Amino acid sequence: MYLVGSPHPNKTDAQRLVERLISERQRLVSDAEVLQEILHRYVAIRRQDFIQRAFDSLLGIVDEILVIDRASVERAKEIVFGHPRLSARDALHLAVMERHGVGRIVSFDSAFDGFPGVTRVL
């Protein structure tokens, strides 16, 4: 969202980080929940005109969009019960990461800190 949204204190840092990861030829993945978040946010603020741009930006830099299946949602439920500090969305991201063996997350959200097997990249 920082990459395509309105000015924000994290926007420049997000752009630099993505540029660095791409220049290092890091494999970048996301999950379907991120696309849903884009839809939700821009519909909520009545800025549907940003949806395609945001989708294009994300899909233009990631190597794969990971699916969300029942097992991922069930695991997210377990994560929420065990880590009450996490939001349901964060738990879903973590469940998808576990399922696909992804151990690093690009996020400004410190709620991911300390989750076993996950390193937050900034």
Foldseek 3Di string as FASTA:
>chain_A
DLCQDDDDPCNVVVVVVLVVCVVVVHAAEEEVVVLVVLVVVCVVVVNVVCSVVVVCVVVVRHPYYQYQDPQLLVQLVVVCVVQVLDDSSRSSRVSSCVVVVNAEDADPDCSPPPDPSHDYDD
